[in-house]
Structure formats: C-alpha cells, structure tokens
Amino acid sequence: MAHGAGALTAPPADTGGELAPPTESRPSGKEPRRARRHRVTWRQALRKDWRLYTFIALPVLFFLVFKYAPMVGNVIAFRRFRPGGNPLGDEWVGLYYFEMFINNQQFWTVFWNTVILGLLTLAICFPLPIVLALMLNELRSRRFKKIVQTISYLPHFMSIVIVAGLVLQLTSVNGTVNQLVTAFGGDPISFMQQPEWFRTIYVSSEVWQTVGWGTILYLAALTTIDDQLYEASRIDGANRWQQTWHITLPGIRPTMMVLLILNIGTFMAVGFEKVLLLQNPLIYSTADVISTYLYRVGIQSAQFSYGTAIGLFEAVIGLTLVLTANYASRRMVGASLW
C-alpha cells in the first residue's frame, strides 16, 4: 500500500506490556551553535536612551569643568610659575618644591598636627553615630525617637561659619562655659589662646555637628535587617547584647565599612574651613595643619607652585589611605567601594 500524505501508520507491535527502549540519537559531529550576544555600541545606547543621558549631561559637564579640568594645573607643582607668565609654568624644576616643603622647619609640626587631629576625629566621630543609632533602634517610643533624631540632625544644616562663631562665643573669656566655671568657683580660662585646648574644642564641635547625619545613615541601614532573624534568636534564648553583636552589627557592616573608607579619604583634609575659622597665631603649635599652612603660603603669600606641591602631597597621601583601606576592607569583611 502506497504511503500517501494522509495514510495511517501501523500500530506498534505488542511487546508483552514492556516499553521498547528509547533509541539513542547518534551525534552528528557538529555541536549546536551558541547564541551570540548582541553587543550594543555606545552610539546605539545613546540613540535609544538619549533622554536619560540628557539628565546627566549637566552634572558631567560640571565635574569636567570645575573638578577635572583644574587638575591640569597641578603641573605647576613641578614647574616654576609666576603670575603673568605661562599658565603651566615657565621651566621644569622637578621635585624642588616637594623637597622645599619636607625640609621646611614647620613641616613636622603641621604634619603631626594633621595626623593627630585626624586620628582623634576618626576615633571619636566615627563610632558615636553607630552607638546612637543602636540606642535609638531600641527605643519603643517613636515620638521620643523622632525628637532625638531631629535635635541631633539639626546641626548638620548649619553653616561652618555659624558653628565656628558659636564655638568662639561659648569659649570666650566671658562666654557661657567660663560663666559655668566661675559659678563653680573656678577662674576663667582663655580656651582659644591656649594650644592644649584646641583639639578638645575642635573634636567636640565636630561631634556635635556630624553625629546626627551619621546616625540617620545607620538607622536606614538597620531597617534592611530581617526581623525574622531577631525572632529566631529570641527563640534560641539570645539576649539583647547577643542580638546586637551577632545580628545587628553584621547587618550594618557594609555601611560601616563604606563610611569608614570615606572618612579615611578625608583624613588629611581635617575640616579645613573650621580649623581656619577657629585658629589664631597663639595656638598654631596645635591648630596649624597642612591645609591651613597651604592656604597661608599658597594663597596669601602667592607662592602658587609651592602651594600646589603641598596640595598634591596631601592628595597623594589621601589617595593612598583610601586605596589601602578599600583593599583591607575587601579582604577582611568583603565590603568595599569598588
């Protein structure tokens, strides 16, 4: 019988209730081709999402003009520059200005003042927001919690000029602090004329101004921790301290490490504006840091090449600290900026 297009095929032979083994297909010798990923070029992406790219055009232009383009001027750290001459300097002098700074008699004073003030700020201002956030997280009264958050966060919005003015007013001879000292039978203290008081005053004002901002960040990180972890730990008999140590702190560890790396990045800057507003020649022995020394010799004394070399020296140290902290954080806890 001829097999036409509509002919029926014969039923399979009876095998006694057993299924015939499946036939293995022979390899054809050719592997199936993998689907190639279509790579989108930057022109295609720009043509497709040009509306999104227009939103970042102005910020990118801002950074190019005011952040990256001025970096070209760092070349005068290696060249002799004089106003009215070549904008990039007249002649190469190599590392002359760097050697001039390192061999200066004030170098070690401003360097160690910067290191000590930076270490004190980092050691005190970094952990306090974590402690305050953990304390606020344990509060049951939402009303009281919001009041504390608002009060601690308000100084962050104040200008550094206002903060410095408040500090100078409070610590003056006739200020509030000396009035309290006098009320308890003590003698007025000239806080801003005695070098040993500057670091305490600066770090205290820095804590007052920045602790609220850091607390808000850590409170936001605490909301990402799963409540089921706390419920499971309570069933296992864990107390509050054990929950904090084994659940809360590991949960906010990535945020802690990122903020620590960022703080280390500004380690050498040490709040230039506030230090400049609070210092005076009587307390230079503890208040003069690299950034304020740079301002005096680079801007006020118009030694532009020398000032640029000092700024580049400070920037290289800051970059080295950031890279080292980021590498150590990635190796130790698995959290890093990149």
C-alpha atoms as a PDB file:
ATOM      1  CA  MET A   1       0.000   0.000   0.000  1.00  0.00           C
ATOM      2  CA  ALA A   2       1.431   3.263  -1.005  1.00  0.00           C
ATOM      3  CA  HIS A   3       2.077   5.727   1.793  1.00  0.00           C
ATOM      4  CA  GLY A   4       0.271   8.856   0.853  1.00  0.00           C
ATOM      5  CA  ALA A   5       0.148  12.109   2.657  1.00  0.00           C
ATOM      6  CA  GLY A   6      -2.951  11.035   4.594  1.00  0.00           C
ATOM      7  CA  ALA A   7      -2.071   7.338   5.092  1.00  0.00           C
ATOM      8  CA  LEU A   8      -2.143   5.955   8.644  1.00  0.00           C
ATOM      9  CA  THR A   9       0.945   4.354  10.132  1.00  0.00           C
ATOM     10  CA  ALA A  10       0.813   0.837  11.530  1.00  0.00           C
ATOM     11  CA  PRO A  11       0.399   0.485  15.318  1.00  0.00           C
ATOM     12  CA  PRO A  12       3.478  -0.560  17.261  1.00  0.00           C
ATOM     13  CA  ALA A  13       3.979  -4.263  17.814  1.00  0.00           C
ATOM     14  CA  ASP A  14       2.947  -5.777  21.123  1.00  0.00           C
ATOM     15  CA  THR A  15       5.966  -6.218  23.381  1.00  0.00           C
ATOM     16  CA  GLY A  16       4.243  -8.011  26.217  1.00  0.00           C
ATOM     17  CA  GLY A  17       3.444  -4.904  28.214  1.00  0.00           C
ATOM     18  CA  GLU A  18       7.056  -3.686  28.194  1.00  0.00           C
ATOM     19  CA  LEU A  19       8.081  -0.463  26.599  1.00  0.00           C
ATOM     20  CA  ALA A  20      10.731  -0.580  23.966  1.00  0.00           C
ATOM     21  CA  PRO A  21      13.979   1.102  24.964  1.00  0.00           C
ATOM     22  CA  PRO A  22      14.406   4.568  23.521  1.00  0.00           C
ATOM     23  CA  THR A  23      16.649   4.784  20.568  1.00  0.00           C
ATOM     24  CA  GLU A  24      19.805   6.810  21.091  1.00  0.00           C
ATOM     25  CA  SER A  25      20.392   9.523  18.583  1.00  0.00           C
ATOM     26  CA  ARG A  26      23.795   9.456  17.004  1.00  0.00           C
ATOM     27  CA  PRO A  27      25.893  12.537  17.347  1.00  0.00           C
ATOM     28  CA  SER A  28      26.050  14.440  14.146  1.00  0.00           C
ATOM     29  CA  GLY A  29      29.592  15.589  14.826  1.00  0.00           C
ATOM     30  CA  LYS A  30      28.522  19.223  14.935  1.00  0.00           C
ATOM     31  CA  GLU A  31      27.791  20.988  18.234  1.00  0.00           C
ATOM     32  CA  PRO A  32      24.880  23.409  18.244  1.00  0.00           C
ATOM     33  CA  ARG A  33      25.995  26.947  17.843  1.00  0.00           C
ATOM     34  CA  ARG A  34      25.704  29.114  20.908  1.00  0.00           C
ATOM     35  CA  ALA A  35      23.555  32.167  20.578  1.00  0.00           C
ATOM     36  CA  ARG A  36      25.760  35.163  20.174  1.00  0.00           C
ATOM     37  CA  ARG A  37      25.106  38.069  22.466  1.00  0.00           C
ATOM     38  CA  HIS A  38      24.317  41.194  20.614  1.00  0.00           C
ATOM     39  CA  ARG A  39      26.712  43.836  21.852  1.00  0.00           C
ATOM     40  CA  VAL A  40      25.185  47.277  21.954  1.00  0.00           C
ATOM     41  CA  THR A  41      27.573  50.029  20.940  1.00  0.00           C
ATOM     42  CA  TRP A  42      27.635  53.336  22.768  1.00  0.00           C
ATOM     43  CA  ARG A  43      26.130  55.036  19.734  1.00  0.00           C
ATOM     44  CA  GLN A  44      23.164  52.656  19.765  1.00  0.00           C
ATOM     45  CA  ALA A  45      22.719  53.102  23.510  1.00  0.00           C
ATOM     46  CA  LEU A  46      22.879  56.870  23.136  1.00  0.00           C
ATOM     47  CA  ARG A  47      20.357  56.814  20.304  1.00  0.00           C
ATOM     48  CA  LYS A  48      17.998  54.588  22.274  1.00  0.00           C
ATOM     49  CA  ASP A  49      18.191  56.230  25.717  1.00  0.00           C
ATOM     50  CA  TRP A  50      19.183  59.778  24.797  1.00  0.00           C
ATOM     51  CA  ARG A  51      16.524  61.209  27.103  1.00  0.00           C
ATOM     52  CA  LEU A  52      18.121  59.531  30.112  1.00  0.00           C
ATOM     53  CA  TYR A  53      21.581  60.715  29.154  1.00  0.00           C
ATOM     54  CA  THR A  54      20.413  64.320  28.983  1.00  0.00           C
ATOM     55  CA  PHE A  55      19.762  64.194  32.737  1.00  0.00           C
ATOM     56  CA  ILE A  56      23.434  63.524  33.483  1.00  0.00           C
ATOM     57  CA  ALA A  57      24.802  65.926  30.871  1.00  0.00           C
ATOM     58  CA  LEU A  58      24.903  68.954  33.194  1.00  0.00           C
ATOM     59  CA  PRO A  59      26.425  67.117  36.198  1.00  0.00           C
ATOM     60  CA  VAL A  60      29.074  65.558  33.962  1.00  0.00           C
ATOM     61  CA  LEU A  61      29.824  68.950  32.422  1.00  0.00           C
ATOM     62  CA  PHE A  62      30.080  70.481  35.892  1.00  0.00           C
ATOM     63  CA  PHE A  63      32.611  67.891  37.056  1.00  0.00           C
ATOM     64  CA  LEU A  64      34.612  68.168  33.850  1.00  0.00           C
ATOM     65  CA  VAL A  65      34.860  71.958  34.036  1.00  0.00           C
ATOM     66  CA  PHE A  66      35.245  72.523  37.776  1.00  0.00           C
ATOM     67  CA  LYS A  67      36.803  69.260  39.017  1.00  0.00           C
ATOM     68  CA  TYR A  68      38.837  67.536  36.315  1.00  0.00           C
ATOM     69  CA  ALA A  69      39.968  70.416  34.109  1.00  0.00           C
ATOM     70  CA  PRO A  70      41.653  72.247  37.027  1.00  0.00           C
ATOM     71  CA  MET A  71      43.737  69.120  37.674  1.00  0.00           C
ATOM     72  CA  VAL A  72      45.856  70.129  34.702  1.00  0.00           C
ATOM     73  CA  GLY A  73      47.093  72.987  36.860  1.00  0.00           C
ATOM     74  CA  ASN A  74      48.812  70.518  39.190  1.00  0.00           C
ATOM     75  CA  VAL A  75      51.667  70.502  36.712  1.00  0.00           C
ATOM     76  CA  ILE A  76      52.927  73.775  38.211  1.00  0.00           C
ATOM     77  CA  ALA A  77      53.975  71.745  41.265  1.00  0.00           C
ATOM     78  CA  PHE A  78      56.869  70.601  39.048  1.00  0.00           C
ATOM     79  CA  ARG A  79      57.385  73.912  37.231  1.00  0.00           C
ATOM     80  CA  ARG A  80      58.326  77.422  38.268  1.00  0.00           C
ATOM     81  CA  PHE A  81      55.199  79.549  37.932  1.00  0.00           C
ATOM     82  CA  ARG A  82      54.924  83.312  38.097  1.00  0.00           C
ATOM     83  CA  PRO A  83      51.759  85.393  37.628  1.00  0.00           C
ATOM     84  CA  GLY A  84      51.531  86.823  34.130  1.00  0.00           C
ATOM     85  CA  GLY A  85      53.730  84.129  32.606  1.00  0.00           C
ATOM     86  CA  ASN A  86      52.931  80.760  31.101  1.00  0.00           C
ATOM     87  CA  PRO A  87      49.768  79.353  32.749  1.00  0.00           C
ATOM     88  CA  LEU A  88      51.509  75.977  33.038  1.00  0.00           C
ATOM     89  CA  GLY A  89      54.779  77.361  34.352  1.00  0.00           C
ATOM     90  CA  ASP A  90      57.950  78.679  32.767  1.00  0.00           C
ATOM     91  CA  GLU A  91      60.514  75.958  33.470  1.00  0.00           C
ATOM     92  CA  TRP A  92      60.728  72.479  34.955  1.00  0.00           C
ATOM     93  CA  VAL A  93      62.125  72.267  38.469  1.00  0.00           C
ATOM     94  CA  GLY A  94      61.308  68.627  39.221  1.00  0.00           C
ATOM     95  CA  LEU A  95      60.689  67.836  42.889  1.00  0.00           C
ATOM     96  CA  TYR A  96      62.190  71.103  44.118  1.00  0.00           C
ATOM     97  CA  TYR A  97      59.007  72.365  45.808  1.00  0.00           C
ATOM     98  CA  PHE A  98      58.313  68.996  47.435  1.00  0.00           C
ATOM     99  CA  GLU A  99      61.817  68.955  48.908  1.00  0.00           C
ATOM    100  CA  MET A 100      61.326  72.564  49.965  1.00  0.00           C
ATOM    101  CA  PHE A 101      58.192  71.602  51.905  1.00  0.00           C
ATOM    102  CA  ILE A 102      59.651  68.485  53.529  1.00  0.00           C
ATOM    103  CA  ASN A 103      62.817  70.318  54.572  1.00  0.00           C
ATOM    104  CA  ASN A 104      60.850  73.261  55.974  1.00  0.00           C
ATOM    105  CA  GLN A 105      61.104  73.612  59.747  1.00  0.00           C
ATOM    106  CA  GLN A 106      57.296  73.782  60.007  1.00  0.00           C
ATOM    107  CA  PHE A 107      56.728  70.547  58.078  1.00  0.00           C
ATOM    108  CA  TRP A 108      56.719  68.133  61.009  1.00  0.00           C
ATOM    109  CA  THR A 109      54.602  70.487  63.111  1.00  0.00           C
ATOM    110  CA  VAL A 110      51.794  70.777  60.560  1.00  0.00           C
ATOM    111  CA  PHE A 111      52.130  67.121  59.545  1.00  0.00           C
ATOM    112  CA  TRP A 112      51.759  65.722  63.062  1.00  0.00           C
ATOM    113  CA  ASN A 113      49.028  68.222  63.905  1.00  0.00           C
ATOM    114  CA  THR A 114      47.124  66.931  60.877  1.00  0.00           C
ATOM    115  CA  VAL A 115      47.673  63.284  61.804  1.00  0.00           C
ATOM    116  CA  ILE A 116      46.731  63.730  65.470  1.00  0.00           C
ATOM    117  CA  LEU A 117      43.645  65.815  64.715  1.00  0.00           C
ATOM    118  CA  GLY A 118      42.590  63.358  62.008  1.00  0.00           C
ATOM    119  CA  LEU A 119      43.034  60.345  64.289  1.00  0.00           C
ATOM    120  CA  LEU A 120      41.074  61.975  67.110  1.00  0.00           C
ATOM    121  CA  THR A 121      38.260  62.935  64.753  1.00  0.00           C
ATOM    122  CA  LEU A 122      38.120  59.459  63.223  1.00  0.00           C
ATOM    123  CA  ALA A 123      38.369  57.595  66.533  1.00  0.00           C
ATOM    124  CA  ILE A 124      35.613  59.640  68.212  1.00  0.00           C
ATOM    125  CA  CYS A 125      33.309  60.837  65.435  1.00  0.00           C
ATOM    126  CA  PHE A 126      33.096  57.511  63.598  1.00  0.00           C
ATOM    127  CA  PRO A 127      31.794  55.146  66.337  1.00  0.00           C
ATOM    128  CA  LEU A 128      29.462  57.615  68.084  1.00  0.00           C
ATOM    129  CA  PRO A 129      26.797  57.623  65.313  1.00  0.00           C
ATOM    130  CA  ILE A 130      26.790  53.808  65.426  1.00  0.00           C
ATOM    131  CA  VAL A 131      26.225  53.820  69.189  1.00  0.00           C
ATOM    132  CA  LEU A 132      23.485  56.454  68.946  1.00  0.00           C
ATOM    133  CA  ALA A 133      21.756  54.584  66.112  1.00  0.00           C
ATOM    134  CA  LEU A 134      21.784  51.338  68.116  1.00  0.00           C
ATOM    135  CA  MET A 135      20.348  53.141  71.138  1.00  0.00           C
ATOM    136  CA  LEU A 136      17.600  54.809  69.107  1.00  0.00           C
ATOM    137  CA  ASN A 137      16.800  51.500  67.452  1.00  0.00           C
ATOM    138  CA  GLU A 138      15.999  50.011  70.872  1.00  0.00           C
ATOM    139  CA  LEU A 139      13.579  52.790  71.847  1.00  0.00           C
ATOM    140  CA  ARG A 140       9.915  51.862  71.935  1.00  0.00           C
ATOM    141  CA  SER A 141       8.556  55.411  71.892  1.00  0.00           C
ATOM    142  CA  ARG A 142       8.507  56.613  68.290  1.00  0.00           C
ATOM    143  CA  ARG A 143       7.756  60.169  69.389  1.00  0.00           C
ATOM    144  CA  PHE A 144      10.840  60.399  71.583  1.00  0.00           C
ATOM    145  CA  LYS A 145      12.902  58.690  68.885  1.00  0.00           C
ATOM    146  CA  LYS A 146      11.915  61.290  66.281  1.00  0.00           C
ATOM    147  CA  ILE A 147      12.614  64.158  68.690  1.00  0.00           C
ATOM    148  CA  VAL A 148      16.142  62.868  69.366  1.00  0.00           C
ATOM    149  CA  GLN A 149      16.766  62.346  65.642  1.00  0.00           C
ATOM    150  CA  THR A 150      15.639  65.878  64.811  1.00  0.00           C
ATOM    151  CA  ILE A 151      17.677  67.529  67.562  1.00  0.00           C
ATOM    152  CA  SER A 152      20.839  65.593  66.709  1.00  0.00           C
ATOM    153  CA  TYR A 153      20.418  66.159  62.961  1.00  0.00           C
ATOM    154  CA  LEU A 154      19.774  69.936  63.054  1.00  0.00           C
ATOM    155  CA  PRO A 155      23.463  70.998  63.460  1.00  0.00           C
ATOM    156  CA  HIS A 156      24.256  69.274  60.156  1.00  0.00           C
ATOM    157  CA  PHE A 157      22.337  72.012  58.330  1.00  0.00           C
ATOM    158  CA  MET A 158      24.247  74.837  59.987  1.00  0.00           C
ATOM    159  CA  SER A 159      26.978  76.636  58.118  1.00  0.00           C
ATOM    160  CA  ILE A 160      30.509  76.019  59.333  1.00  0.00           C
ATOM    161  CA  VAL A 161      30.844  79.775  59.835  1.00  0.00           C
ATOM    162  CA  ILE A 162      27.878  79.731  62.230  1.00  0.00           C
ATOM    163  CA  VAL A 163      29.255  76.703  64.078  1.00  0.00           C
ATOM    164  CA  ALA A 164      32.668  78.341  64.444  1.00  0.00           C
ATOM    165  CA  GLY A 165      31.014  81.552  65.666  1.00  0.00           C
ATOM    166  CA  LEU A 166      29.049  79.625  68.287  1.00  0.00           C
ATOM    167  CA  VAL A 167      32.188  77.840  69.465  1.00  0.00           C
ATOM    168  CA  LEU A 168      34.130  81.093  69.771  1.00  0.00           C
ATOM    169  CA  GLN A 169      31.256  82.714  71.642  1.00  0.00           C
ATOM    170  CA  LEU A 170      30.834  79.815  74.066  1.00  0.00           C
ATOM    171  CA  THR A 171      34.561  79.505  74.810  1.00  0.00           C
ATOM    172  CA  SER A 172      35.377  83.208  75.103  1.00  0.00           C
ATOM    173  CA  VAL A 173      36.516  84.652  78.433  1.00  0.00           C
ATOM    174  CA  ASN A 174      33.013  85.982  79.101  1.00  0.00           C
ATOM    175  CA  GLY A 175      31.261  83.088  77.357  1.00  0.00           C
ATOM    176  CA  THR A 176      28.820  80.537  78.689  1.00  0.00           C
ATOM    177  CA  VAL A 177      31.473  77.932  79.514  1.00  0.00           C
ATOM    178  CA  ASN A 178      33.514  80.354  81.610  1.00  0.00           C
ATOM    179  CA  GLN A 179      30.366  81.567  83.338  1.00  0.00           C
ATOM    180  CA  LEU A 180      29.737  77.986  84.451  1.00  0.00           C
ATOM    181  CA  VAL A 181      33.376  77.631  85.540  1.00  0.00           C
ATOM    182  CA  THR A 182      33.096  80.827  87.573  1.00  0.00           C
ATOM    183  CA  ALA A 183      29.797  79.696  89.099  1.00  0.00           C
ATOM    184  CA  PHE A 184      31.526  76.601  90.485  1.00  0.00           C
ATOM    185  CA  GLY A 185      34.334  78.676  91.982  1.00  0.00           C
ATOM    186  CA  GLY A 186      36.899  78.382  89.197  1.00  0.00           C
ATOM    187  CA  ASP A 187      38.860  81.015  87.311  1.00  0.00           C
ATOM    188  CA  PRO A 188      38.010  81.964  83.709  1.00  0.00           C
ATOM    189  CA  ILE A 189      40.050  80.114  81.085  1.00  0.00           C
ATOM    190  CA  SER A 190      41.224  81.596  77.793  1.00  0.00           C
ATOM    191  CA  PHE A 191      40.372  78.489  75.804  1.00  0.00           C
ATOM    192  CA  MET A 192      41.198  79.844  72.355  1.00  0.00           C
ATOM    193  CA  GLN A 193      44.520  81.281  73.484  1.00  0.00           C
ATOM    194  CA  GLN A 194      45.903  78.079  74.979  1.00  0.00           C
ATOM    195  CA  PRO A 195      47.116  75.455  72.452  1.00  0.00           C
ATOM    196  CA  GLU A 196      46.284  72.470  74.668  1.00  0.00           C
ATOM    197  CA  TRP A 197      42.538  73.201  74.451  1.00  0.00           C
ATOM    198  CA  PHE A 198      42.205  73.448  70.673  1.00  0.00           C
ATOM    199  CA  ARG A 199      41.970  69.737  69.842  1.00  0.00           C
ATOM    200  CA  THR A 200      39.340  69.108  72.505  1.00  0.00           C
ATOM    201  CA  ILE A 201      37.244  72.046  71.316  1.00  0.00           C
ATOM    202  CA  TYR A 202      37.552  71.123  67.644  1.00  0.00           C
ATOM    203  CA  VAL A 203      36.663  67.440  68.094  1.00  0.00           C
ATOM    204  CA  SER A 204      33.744  68.314  70.398  1.00  0.00           C
ATOM    205  CA  SER A 205      32.289  70.712  67.844  1.00  0.00           C
ATOM    206  CA  GLU A 206      32.801  68.132  65.102  1.00  0.00           C
ATOM    207  CA  VAL A 207      30.906  65.511  67.107  1.00  0.00           C
ATOM    208  CA  TRP A 208      28.046  67.920  67.773  1.00  0.00           C
ATOM    209  CA  GLN A 209      27.756  68.829  64.093  1.00  0.00           C
ATOM    210  CA  THR A 210      28.169  65.413  62.433  1.00  0.00           C
ATOM    211  CA  VAL A 211      26.816  62.751  64.800  1.00  0.00           C
ATOM    212  CA  GLY A 212      23.206  63.253  63.669  1.00  0.00           C
ATOM    213  CA  TRP A 213      23.974  62.771  59.987  1.00  0.00           C
ATOM    214  CA  GLY A 214      25.793  59.503  60.584  1.00  0.00           C
ATOM    215  CA  THR A 215      23.003  58.285  62.846  1.00  0.00           C
ATOM    216  CA  ILE A 216      20.419  58.755  60.095  1.00  0.00           C
ATOM    217  CA  LEU A 217      22.527  56.666  57.714  1.00  0.00           C
ATOM    218  CA  TYR A 218      22.899  53.813  60.188  1.00  0.00           C
ATOM    219  CA  LEU A 219      19.204  53.878  61.104  1.00  0.00           C
ATOM    220  CA  ALA A 220      18.401  53.495  57.415  1.00  0.00           C
ATOM    221  CA  ALA A 221      20.783  50.524  57.248  1.00  0.00           C
ATOM    222  CA  LEU A 222      19.128  48.938  60.292  1.00  0.00           C
ATOM    223  CA  THR A 223      15.772  48.821  58.504  1.00  0.00           C
ATOM    224  CA  THR A 224      17.218  46.367  55.960  1.00  0.00           C
ATOM    225  CA  ILE A 225      17.820  43.661  58.594  1.00  0.00           C
ATOM    226  CA  ASP A 226      15.196  40.897  58.508  1.00  0.00           C
ATOM    227  CA  ASP A 227      13.042  40.805  61.672  1.00  0.00           C
ATOM    228  CA  GLN A 228      12.845  37.013  61.415  1.00  0.00           C
ATOM    229  CA  LEU A 229      16.494  36.843  62.442  1.00  0.00           C
ATOM    230  CA  TYR A 230      15.667  38.532  65.742  1.00  0.00           C
ATOM    231  CA  GLU A 231      12.647  36.271  66.278  1.00  0.00           C
ATOM    232  CA  ALA A 232      14.747  33.162  65.668  1.00  0.00           C
ATOM    233  CA  SER A 233      17.440  34.395  68.052  1.00  0.00           C
ATOM    234  CA  ARG A 234      14.867  35.087  70.779  1.00  0.00           C
ATOM    235  CA  ILE A 235      13.555  31.544  70.405  1.00  0.00           C
ATOM    236  CA  ASP A 236      17.132  30.296  70.855  1.00  0.00           C
ATOM    237  CA  GLY A 237      17.427  32.347  74.055  1.00  0.00           C
ATOM    238  CA  ALA A 238      19.627  35.206  72.820  1.00  0.00           C
ATOM    239  CA  ASN A 239      19.566  38.401  74.869  1.00  0.00           C
ATOM    240  CA  ARG A 240      19.727  41.982  73.556  1.00  0.00           C
ATOM    241  CA  TRP A 241      23.502  42.175  73.638  1.00  0.00           C
ATOM    242  CA  GLN A 242      23.881  38.896  71.741  1.00  0.00           C
ATOM    243  CA  GLN A 243      21.357  40.039  69.137  1.00  0.00           C
ATOM    244  CA  THR A 244      23.255  43.289  68.683  1.00  0.00           C
ATOM    245  CA  TRP A 245      26.629  41.566  68.395  1.00  0.00           C
ATOM    246  CA  HIS A 246      25.623  38.671  66.122  1.00  0.00           C
ATOM    247  CA  ILE A 247      22.775  40.179  64.050  1.00  0.00           C
ATOM    248  CA  THR A 248      22.664  43.984  64.141  1.00  0.00           C
ATOM    249  CA  LEU A 249      26.350  44.805  63.737  1.00  0.00           C
ATOM    250  CA  PRO A 250      26.953  42.242  60.945  1.00  0.00           C
ATOM    251  CA  GLY A 251      23.829  43.570  59.227  1.00  0.00           C
ATOM    252  CA  ILE A 252      25.150  47.131  59.050  1.00  0.00           C
ATOM    253  CA  ARG A 253      28.783  46.138  58.486  1.00  0.00           C
ATOM    254  CA  PRO A 254      28.809  47.085  54.750  1.00  0.00           C
ATOM    255  CA  THR A 255      27.511  50.572  55.595  1.00  0.00           C
ATOM    256  CA  MET A 256      30.060  50.901  58.383  1.00  0.00           C
ATOM    257  CA  MET A 257      32.955  49.969  56.120  1.00  0.00           C
ATOM    258  CA  VAL A 258      31.879  52.279  53.293  1.00  0.00           C
ATOM    259  CA  LEU A 259      31.586  55.245  55.671  1.00  0.00           C
ATOM    260  CA  LEU A 260      34.903  54.333  57.294  1.00  0.00           C
ATOM    261  CA  ILE A 261      36.653  54.331  53.918  1.00  0.00           C
ATOM    262  CA  LEU A 262      35.096  57.696  53.042  1.00  0.00           C
ATOM    263  CA  ASN A 263      36.184  59.158  56.385  1.00  0.00           C
ATOM    264  CA  ILE A 264      39.707  57.870  55.876  1.00  0.00           C
ATOM    265  CA  GLY A 265      39.696  59.546  52.459  1.00  0.00           C
ATOM    266  CA  THR A 266      39.201  62.947  54.112  1.00  0.00           C
ATOM    267  CA  PHE A 267      41.661  62.112  56.876  1.00  0.00           C
ATOM    268  CA  MET A 268      44.304  64.603  55.742  1.00  0.00           C
ATOM    269  CA  ALA A 269      41.840  67.412  54.989  1.00  0.00           C
ATOM    270  CA  VAL A 270      40.744  67.619  58.664  1.00  0.00           C
ATOM    271  CA  GLY A 271      37.951  70.162  58.192  1.00  0.00           C
ATOM    272  CA  PHE A 272      39.983  72.988  56.673  1.00  0.00           C
ATOM    273  CA  GLU A 273      37.236  75.614  56.964  1.00  0.00           C
ATOM    274  CA  LYS A 274      36.520  75.063  60.647  1.00  0.00           C
ATOM    275  CA  VAL A 275      40.194  74.875  61.603  1.00  0.00           C
ATOM    276  CA  LEU A 276      40.878  78.097  59.695  1.00  0.00           C
ATOM    277  CA  LEU A 277      37.999  79.893  61.425  1.00  0.00           C
ATOM    278  CA  LEU A 278      38.938  78.707  64.915  1.00  0.00           C
ATOM    279  CA  GLN A 279      42.725  79.064  64.846  1.00  0.00           C
ATOM    280  CA  ASN A 280      44.886  82.085  65.626  1.00  0.00           C
ATOM    281  CA  PRO A 281      48.668  82.595  65.810  1.00  0.00           C
ATOM    282  CA  LEU A 282      48.685  81.882  69.561  1.00  0.00           C
ATOM    283  CA  ILE A 283      47.622  78.253  69.037  1.00  0.00           C
ATOM    284  CA  TYR A 284      49.480  77.411  65.814  1.00  0.00           C
ATOM    285  CA  SER A 285      51.528  74.809  67.687  1.00  0.00           C
ATOM    286  CA  THR A 286      48.466  72.512  67.814  1.00  0.00           C
ATOM    287  CA  ALA A 287      45.981  74.127  65.404  1.00  0.00           C
ATOM    288  CA  ASP A 288      48.104  74.620  62.291  1.00  0.00           C
ATOM    289  CA  VAL A 289      47.503  71.749  59.847  1.00  0.00           C
ATOM    290  CA  ILE A 290      48.672  71.097  56.289  1.00  0.00           C
ATOM    291  CA  SER A 291      45.610  72.659  54.646  1.00  0.00           C
ATOM    292  CA  THR A 292      45.810  75.900  56.646  1.00  0.00           C
ATOM    293  CA  TYR A 293      49.569  76.150  56.095  1.00  0.00           C
ATOM    294  CA  LEU A 294      48.919  75.642  52.377  1.00  0.00           C
ATOM    295  CA  TYR A 295      46.372  78.480  52.446  1.00  0.00           C
ATOM    296  CA  ARG A 296      48.840  80.894  54.038  1.00  0.00           C
ATOM    297  CA  VAL A 297      51.823  80.179  51.806  1.00  0.00           C
ATOM    298  CA  GLY A 298      49.939  79.352  48.605  1.00  0.00           C
ATOM    299  CA  ILE A 299      47.152  81.939  48.577  1.00  0.00           C
ATOM    300  CA  GLN A 300      48.086  84.702  50.985  1.00  0.00           C
ATOM    301  CA  SER A 301      51.795  84.675  50.105  1.00  0.00           C
ATOM    302  CA  ALA A 302      51.136  83.966  46.382  1.00  0.00           C
ATOM    303  CA  GLN A 303      53.610  81.042  46.248  1.00  0.00           C
ATOM    304  CA  PHE A 304      51.447  79.125  43.806  1.00  0.00           C
ATOM    305  CA  SER A 305      53.883  76.402  42.772  1.00  0.00           C
ATOM    306  CA  TYR A 306      54.858  75.751  46.372  1.00  0.00           C
ATOM    307  CA  GLY A 307      51.210  75.646  47.457  1.00  0.00           C
ATOM    308  CA  THR A 308      50.316  73.284  44.602  1.00  0.00           C
ATOM    309  CA  ALA A 309      53.105  70.927  45.639  1.00  0.00           C
ATOM    310  CA  ILE A 310      51.778  70.889  49.209  1.00  0.00           C
ATOM    311  CA  GLY A 311      48.245  70.203  47.982  1.00  0.00           C
ATOM    312  CA  LEU A 312      49.454  67.402  45.718  1.00  0.00           C
ATOM    313  CA  PHE A 313      51.437  65.909  48.598  1.00  0.00           C
ATOM    314  CA  GLU A 314      48.295  65.916  50.740  1.00  0.00           C
ATOM    315  CA  ALA A 315      46.176  64.428  47.928  1.00  0.00           C
ATOM    316  CA  VAL A 316      48.619  61.567  47.288  1.00  0.00           C
ATOM    317  CA  ILE A 317      48.580  60.606  50.965  1.00  0.00           C
ATOM    318  CA  GLY A 318      44.772  60.715  50.997  1.00  0.00           C
ATOM    319  CA  LEU A 319      44.537  58.561  47.867  1.00  0.00           C
ATOM    320  CA  THR A 320      46.981  56.043  49.326  1.00  0.00           C
ATOM    321  CA  LEU A 321      44.941  55.805  52.518  1.00  0.00           C
ATOM    322  CA  VAL A 322      41.696  55.257  50.581  1.00  0.00           C
ATOM    323  CA  LEU A 323      43.183  52.540  48.375  1.00  0.00           C
ATOM    324  CA  THR A 324      44.734  50.788  51.362  1.00  0.00           C
ATOM    325  CA  ALA A 325      41.535  50.950  53.422  1.00  0.00           C
ATOM    326  CA  ASN A 326      39.427  49.756  50.493  1.00  0.00           C
ATOM    327  CA  TYR A 327      41.755  46.801  49.840  1.00  0.00           C
ATOM    328  CA  ALA A 328      41.880  45.834  53.521  1.00  0.00           C
ATOM    329  CA  SER A 329      38.093  46.083  53.831  1.00  0.00           C
ATOM    330  CA  ARG A 330      37.545  43.908  50.762  1.00  0.00           C
ATOM    331  CA  ARG A 331      39.939  41.233  52.023  1.00  0.00           C
ATOM    332  CA  MET A 332      38.783  41.235  55.653  1.00  0.00           C
ATOM    333  CA  VAL A 333      34.995  41.728  55.549  1.00  0.00           C
ATOM    334  CA  GLY A 334      34.125  41.544  51.845  1.00  0.00           C
ATOM    335  CA  ALA A 335      32.748  45.105  51.679  1.00  0.00           C
ATOM    336  CA  SER A 336      34.401  47.867  49.667  1.00  0.00           C
ATOM    337  CA  LEU A 337      33.740  50.859  47.443  1.00  0.00           C
ATOM    338  CA  TRP A 338      34.924  49.041  44.326  1.00  0.00           C
END
